[in-house]
C-alpha atoms as a PDB file:
ATOM      1  CA  MET A   1      10.329   7.398  12.956  1.00  0.00           C
ATOM      2  CA  THR A   2      10.250  11.004  11.916  1.00  0.00           C
ATOM      3  CA  PHE A   3       9.014  12.725   8.816  1.00  0.00           C
ATOM      4  CA  SER A   4      10.441  15.766   7.201  1.00  0.00           C
ATOM      5  CA  SER A   5       8.493  17.273   4.418  1.00  0.00           C
ATOM      6  CA  GLN A   6       8.339  20.244   2.137  1.00  0.00           C
ATOM      7  CA  GLY A   7       5.043  21.945   2.761  1.00  0.00           C
ATOM      8  CA  PHE A   8       4.031  19.935   5.834  1.00  0.00           C
ATOM      9  CA  GLY A   9       5.872  22.101   8.352  1.00  0.00           C
ATOM     10  CA  LYS A  10       8.464  20.740  10.753  1.00  0.00           C
ATOM     11  CA  GLY A  11       9.047  16.994  11.001  1.00  0.00           C
ATOM     12  CA  SER A  12       6.239  15.246  12.869  1.00  0.00           C
ATOM     13  CA  ARG A  13       6.291  11.954  14.667  1.00  0.00           C
ATOM     14  CA  LEU A  14       4.326   9.076  13.205  1.00  0.00           C
ATOM     15  CA  LYS A  15       1.676   8.667  15.875  1.00  0.00           C
ATOM     16  CA  SER A  16      -0.476   5.561  15.632  1.00  0.00           C
ATOM     17  CA  SER A  17       1.908   3.192  13.850  1.00  0.00           C
ATOM     18  CA  LYS A  18       4.666   2.636  16.386  1.00  0.00           C
ATOM     19  CA  GLY A  19       7.017   0.053  15.006  1.00  0.00           C
ATOM     20  CA  ALA A  20       5.744   0.514  11.462  1.00  0.00           C
ATOM     21  CA  PHE A  21       9.272   1.333  10.305  1.00  0.00           C
ATOM     22  CA  SER A  22      12.697   0.160  11.354  1.00  0.00           C
ATOM     23  CA  GLU A  23      14.224   2.370  14.042  1.00  0.00           C
ATOM     24  CA  ASP A  24      15.893   5.616  12.996  1.00  0.00           C
ATOM     25  CA  SER A  25      14.112   5.605   9.634  1.00  0.00           C
ATOM     26  CA  HIS A  26      13.537   8.907   7.927  1.00  0.00           C
ATOM     27  CA  LEU A  27      11.184   9.763   5.085  1.00  0.00           C
ATOM     28  CA  SER A  28      11.000  13.005   3.172  1.00  0.00           C
ATOM     29  CA  PHE A  29       7.804  13.801   1.326  1.00  0.00           C
ATOM     30  CA  SER A  30       7.275  16.536  -1.231  1.00  0.00           C
ATOM     31  CA  LYS A  31       4.075  18.503  -1.851  1.00  0.00           C
ATOM     32  CA  SER A  32       3.207  16.310  -4.854  1.00  0.00           C
ATOM     33  CA  SER A  33      -0.218  14.692  -4.720  1.00  0.00           C
ATOM     34  CA  CYS A  34       1.447  11.276  -4.891  1.00  0.00           C
ATOM     35  CA  ASP A  35       3.602  11.959  -1.818  1.00  0.00           C
ATOM     36  CA  VAL A  36       0.608  13.473  -0.007  1.00  0.00           C
ATOM     37  CA  LEU A  37      -1.270  10.213  -0.626  1.00  0.00           C
ATOM     38  CA  TYR A  38       1.690   8.084   0.519  1.00  0.00           C
ATOM     39  CA  ARG A  39       1.804  10.036   3.755  1.00  0.00           C
ATOM     40  CA  LYS A  40      -1.957   9.662   4.296  1.00  0.00           C
ATOM     41  CA  ILE A  41      -1.715   5.899   3.751  1.00  0.00           C
ATOM     42  CA  ILE A  42       1.035   5.647   6.350  1.00  0.00           C
ATOM     43  CA  GLU A  43      -0.549   7.986   8.885  1.00  0.00           C
ATOM     44  CA  GLN A  44      -4.244   7.171   8.376  1.00  0.00           C
ATOM     45  CA  PHE A  45      -4.757   3.827   6.612  1.00  0.00           C
ATOM     46  CA  PHE A  46      -2.297   1.657   8.541  1.00  0.00           C
ATOM     47  CA  PRO A  47      -3.363   2.754  12.026  1.00  0.00           C
ATOM     48  CA  ARG A  48      -6.986   1.969  11.128  1.00  0.00           C
ATOM     49  CA  PHE A  49      -6.671  -1.169   9.004  1.00  0.00           C
ATOM     50  CA  GLY A  50      -3.062  -2.377   9.161  1.00  0.00           C
ATOM     51  CA  TYR A  51      -3.051  -4.654  12.219  1.00  0.00           C
ATOM     52  CA  ASP A  52       0.326  -3.305  13.394  1.00  0.00           C
ATOM     53  CA  ALA A  53       1.841  -3.800   9.943  1.00  0.00           C
ATOM     54  CA  ARG A  54       5.509  -3.014   9.378  1.00  0.00           C
ATOM     55  CA  VAL A  55       6.238  -1.084   6.222  1.00  0.00           C
ATOM     56  CA  VAL A  56       8.477  -2.970   3.798  1.00  0.00           C
ATOM     57  CA  ARG A  57       8.676  -0.362   1.055  1.00  0.00           C
ATOM     58  CA  VAL A  58       7.378   3.050   0.057  1.00  0.00           C
ATOM     59  CA  GLY A  59       7.981   3.741  -3.632  1.00  0.00           C
ATOM     60  CA  SER A  60       8.258   6.943  -5.572  1.00  0.00           C
ATOM     61  CA  LYS A  61       7.635   8.204  -9.076  1.00  0.00           C
ATOM     62  CA  ALA A  62      11.411   8.325  -9.603  1.00  0.00           C
ATOM     63  CA  LYS A  63      11.627   4.529  -9.107  1.00  0.00           C
ATOM     64  CA  ILE A  64      13.948   5.118  -6.157  1.00  0.00           C
ATOM     65  CA  PRO A  65      12.153   4.058  -2.985  1.00  0.00           C
ATOM     66  CA  LEU A  66      11.505   6.637  -0.298  1.00  0.00           C
ATOM     67  CA  TYR A  67      11.875   3.802   2.220  1.00  0.00           C
ATOM     68  CA  GLU A  68      12.872   0.162   1.970  1.00  0.00           C
ATOM     69  CA  ASP A  69      13.415  -2.492   4.647  1.00  0.00           C
ATOM     70  CA  ALA A  70      15.547  -4.938   2.651  1.00  0.00           C
ATOM     71  CA  THR A  71      15.865  -7.325   5.604  1.00  0.00           C
ATOM     72  CA  LEU A  72      12.110  -7.700   5.993  1.00  0.00           C
ATOM     73  CA  ALA A  73      11.676  -7.970   2.216  1.00  0.00           C
ATOM     74  CA  ASP A  74      14.228 -10.814   2.138  1.00  0.00           C
ATOM     75  CA  GLN A  75      12.502 -12.571   5.042  1.00  0.00           C
ATOM     76  CA  LEU A  76       9.253 -12.393   3.087  1.00  0.00           C
ATOM     77  CA  GLY A  77      10.840 -13.565  -0.174  1.00  0.00           C
ATOM     78  CA  LEU A  78      10.003 -10.329  -1.984  1.00  0.00           C
ATOM     79  CA  ASP A  79      12.131  -9.286  -4.948  1.00  0.00           C
ATOM     80  CA  LEU A  80      12.253  -5.488  -4.883  1.00  0.00           C
ATOM     81  CA  SER A  81      14.789  -5.214  -7.706  1.00  0.00           C
ATOM     82  CA  ASN A  82      12.239  -4.738 -10.510  1.00  0.00           C
ATOM     83  CA  SER A  83      10.619  -1.380  -9.842  1.00  0.00           C
ATOM     84  CA  ASN A  84       8.076  -1.956 -12.647  1.00  0.00           C
ATOM     85  CA  SER A  85       6.483  -4.902 -10.864  1.00  0.00           C
ATOM     86  CA  THR A  86       6.843  -3.598  -7.308  1.00  0.00           C
ATOM     87  CA  PRO A  87       3.734  -1.987  -5.805  1.00  0.00           C
ATOM     88  CA  ASP A  88       3.824   1.578  -4.487  1.00  0.00           C
ATOM     89  CA  ILE A  89       3.594   0.560  -0.823  1.00  0.00           C
ATOM     90  CA  ILE A  90       4.174  -2.829   0.768  1.00  0.00           C
ATOM     91  CA  ALA A  91       3.589  -3.671   4.436  1.00  0.00           C
ATOM     92  CA  PHE A  92       3.386  -6.871   6.463  1.00  0.00           C
ATOM     93  CA  SER A  93       1.170  -7.632   9.459  1.00  0.00           C
ATOM     94  CA  ALA A  94       2.662 -10.467  11.489  1.00  0.00           C
ATOM     95  CA  ALA A  95      -0.481 -10.473  13.676  1.00  0.00           C
ATOM     96  CA  LYS A  96      -2.625 -11.494  10.681  1.00  0.00           C
ATOM     97  CA  ASN A  97       0.100 -12.880   8.391  1.00  0.00           C
ATOM     98  CA  TRP A  98      -1.138 -10.424   5.771  1.00  0.00           C
ATOM     99  CA  LEU A  99       0.931  -8.727   3.111  1.00  0.00           C
ATOM    100  CA  PHE A 100      -0.545  -5.387   2.077  1.00  0.00           C
ATOM    101  CA  VAL A 101       0.198  -4.409  -1.516  1.00  0.00           C
ATOM    102  CA  ILE A 102      -1.021  -0.904  -2.189  1.00  0.00           C
ATOM    103  CA  GLU A 103      -1.111   0.920  -5.476  1.00  0.00           C
ATOM    104  CA  THR A 104      -1.884   4.609  -5.733  1.00  0.00           C
ATOM    105  CA  ALA A 105      -3.966   5.520  -8.743  1.00  0.00           C
ATOM    106  CA  HIS A 106      -1.708   8.558  -9.255  1.00  0.00           C
ATOM    107  CA  ASN A 107       1.121   6.363 -10.536  1.00  0.00           C
ATOM    108  CA  ALA A 108      -0.132   3.548 -12.727  1.00  0.00           C
ATOM    109  CA  GLY A 109      -3.861   3.485 -12.139  1.00  0.00           C
ATOM    110  CA  PRO A 110      -5.788   1.093  -9.909  1.00  0.00           C
ATOM    111  CA  ILE A 111      -5.133  -2.578  -9.345  1.00  0.00           C
ATOM    112  CA  SER A 112      -6.867  -4.094 -12.364  1.00  0.00           C
ATOM    113  CA  ASN A 113      -7.543  -7.809 -12.830  1.00  0.00           C
ATOM    114  CA  GLU A 114      -4.305  -8.146 -14.809  1.00  0.00           C
ATOM    115  CA  ARG A 115      -2.273  -6.163 -12.268  1.00  0.00           C
ATOM    116  CA  ARG A 116      -3.708  -8.315  -9.475  1.00  0.00           C
ATOM    117  CA  LEU A 117      -2.301 -11.390 -11.194  1.00  0.00           C
ATOM    118  CA  GLU A 118       1.139  -9.705 -11.506  1.00  0.00           C
ATOM    119  CA  LEU A 119       1.077  -8.738  -7.836  1.00  0.00           C
ATOM    120  CA  THR A 120       0.002 -12.250  -6.845  1.00  0.00           C
ATOM    121  CA  LYS A 121       3.141 -13.601  -8.554  1.00  0.00           C
ATOM    122  CA  PHE A 122       5.233 -10.872  -6.915  1.00  0.00           C
ATOM    123  CA  ALA A 123       4.007 -11.902  -3.448  1.00  0.00           C
ATOM    124  CA  GLU A 124       3.727 -15.686  -3.848  1.00  0.00           C
ATOM    125  CA  LYS A 125       6.935 -16.535  -1.959  1.00  0.00           C
ATOM    126  CA  SER A 126       5.866 -14.552   1.101  1.00  0.00           C
ATOM    127  CA  GLY A 127       3.544 -17.260   2.406  1.00  0.00           C
ATOM    128  CA  ALA A 128       1.244 -14.490   3.635  1.00  0.00           C
ATOM    129  CA  GLY A 129      -2.303 -13.736   2.638  1.00  0.00           C
ATOM    130  CA  VAL A 130      -2.194 -10.840   0.201  1.00  0.00           C
ATOM    131  CA  VAL A 131      -4.488  -7.848   0.608  1.00  0.00           C
ATOM    132  CA  PHE A 132      -4.749  -5.815  -2.612  1.00  0.00           C
ATOM    133  CA  ILE A 133      -5.599  -2.150  -2.091  1.00  0.00           C
ATOM    134  CA  THR A 134      -5.892   0.759  -4.475  1.00  0.00           C
ATOM    135  CA  ALA A 135      -5.641   4.098  -2.690  1.00  0.00           C
ATOM    136  CA  PHE A 136      -7.100   7.352  -3.963  1.00  0.00           C
ATOM    137  CA  LEU A 137      -6.615  10.888  -2.706  1.00  0.00           C
ATOM    138  CA  ASN A 138     -10.315  11.763  -3.087  1.00  0.00           C
ATOM    139  CA  LEU A 139     -13.638  10.677  -4.582  1.00  0.00           C
ATOM    140  CA  THR A 140     -12.978  12.520  -7.835  1.00  0.00           C
ATOM    141  CA  ALA A 141      -9.876  10.412  -8.470  1.00  0.00           C
ATOM    142  CA  PHE A 142     -11.780   7.261  -7.486  1.00  0.00           C
ATOM    143  CA  ARG A 143     -14.586   7.996  -9.960  1.00  0.00           C
ATOM    144  CA  LYS A 144     -12.052   8.516 -12.740  1.00  0.00           C
ATOM    145  CA  PHE A 145     -10.650   4.975 -12.302  1.00  0.00           C
ATOM    146  CA  ALA A 146     -13.591   3.017 -10.847  1.00  0.00           C
ATOM    147  CA  ALA A 147     -14.319   1.067 -14.049  1.00  0.00           C
ATOM    148  CA  ASN A 148     -10.772  -0.323 -14.081  1.00  0.00           C
ATOM    149  CA  ILE A 149     -10.607  -1.658 -10.525  1.00  0.00           C
ATOM    150  CA  GLY A 150     -10.081  -5.416 -10.417  1.00  0.00           C
ATOM    151  CA  TRP A 151     -12.327  -7.840  -8.576  1.00  0.00           C
ATOM    152  CA  HIS A 152     -11.215  -9.178  -5.191  1.00  0.00           C
ATOM    153  CA  THR A 153      -9.411  -5.978  -4.288  1.00  0.00           C
ATOM    154  CA  ASP A 154     -10.147  -3.205  -1.827  1.00  0.00           C
ATOM    155  CA  VAL A 155     -10.296   0.552  -2.236  1.00  0.00           C
ATOM    156  CA  TRP A 156      -9.311   3.202   0.305  1.00  0.00           C
ATOM    157  CA  ILE A 157     -10.028   6.904  -0.239  1.00  0.00           C
ATOM    158  CA  ALA A 158      -7.971   9.326   1.856  1.00  0.00           C
ATOM    159  CA  THR A 159     -10.792  11.853   2.248  1.00  0.00           C
ATOM    160  CA  GLU A 160     -12.909   9.070   3.795  1.00  0.00           C
ATOM    161  CA  PRO A 161     -10.215   7.424   5.973  1.00  0.00           C
ATOM    162  CA  ASP A 162     -12.539   5.377   8.198  1.00  0.00           C
ATOM    163  CA  HIS A 163     -14.148   3.535   5.285  1.00  0.00           C
ATOM    164  CA  MET A 164     -13.136   1.029   2.634  1.00  0.00           C
ATOM    165  CA  ILE A 165     -14.837  -0.215  -0.490  1.00  0.00           C
ATOM    166  CA  HIS A 166     -14.637  -3.954  -0.974  1.00  0.00           C
ATOM    167  CA  TRP A 167     -14.536  -4.815  -4.674  1.00  0.00           C
ATOM    168  CA  ASN A 168     -15.853  -8.315  -4.196  1.00  0.00           C
ATOM    169  CA  GLY A 169     -19.082 -10.037  -3.350  1.00  0.00           C
ATOM    170  CA  ASP A 170     -18.499 -12.938  -1.010  1.00  0.00           C
ATOM    171  CA  ARG A 171     -15.853 -11.604   1.336  1.00  0.00           C
ATOM    172  CA  PHE A 172     -15.326  -8.553   3.481  1.00  0.00           C
ATOM    173  CA  TYR A 173     -11.725  -7.463   4.117  1.00  0.00           C
ATOM    174  CA  GLY A 174      -8.633  -9.629   3.898  1.00  0.00           C
ATOM    175  CA  PRO A 175      -6.725 -11.917   1.600  1.00  0.00           C
ATOM    176  CA  ARG A 176      -8.198 -14.489  -0.724  1.00  0.00           C
ATOM    177  CA  HIS A 177      -6.484 -17.830  -0.921  1.00  0.00           C
ATOM    178  CA  GLU A 178      -7.963 -19.113  -4.138  1.00  0.00           C
ATOM    179  CA  PRO A 179      -6.874 -17.816  -7.546  1.00  0.00           C
ATOM    180  CA  PRO A 180      -9.029 -15.018  -8.918  1.00  0.00           C
ATOM    181  CA  GLN A 181     -11.587 -15.890 -11.537  1.00  0.00           C
ATOM    182  CA  ILE A 182     -11.347 -13.318 -14.292  1.00  0.00           C
ATOM    183  CA  THR A 183     -14.173 -13.083 -16.741  1.00  0.00           C
END
């Protein structure tokens, strides 16, 4: 897996996530804050919290994915044809049987209670436990959207890559198997 990017210098190898992408995959990132955050999720979040997850899809603002593993998506029963309902980044950890659905607040805001329900329907055929994560580039962006973050989701902030915020009370990190109670 190699990256080429405008503004990041020469292509660099993805270090800690060997096997995260299908072989001979290639991603190009721009200097946009959205693409910077995508890259940080791939290079920093997944090696720390992804349990050897394989990336299924990396979206883009143009609705054309930067990366898509259609074979893995089919195996998981994920319909990637509707870009409006597809999360920004999707990855699957076979070790945990977890499906990571990650939204970047730069695109459509955080995963709200309503968006969590939409994403639950999106992922229901996968048979995996779904981990809902909203990613932010920095604390300023997080503060802007904090009031809209849905319960039973997690937050990751790129400037604090070793930490997560768990937007729930009775559980640490991981999927929930019961339907969310929205009040």
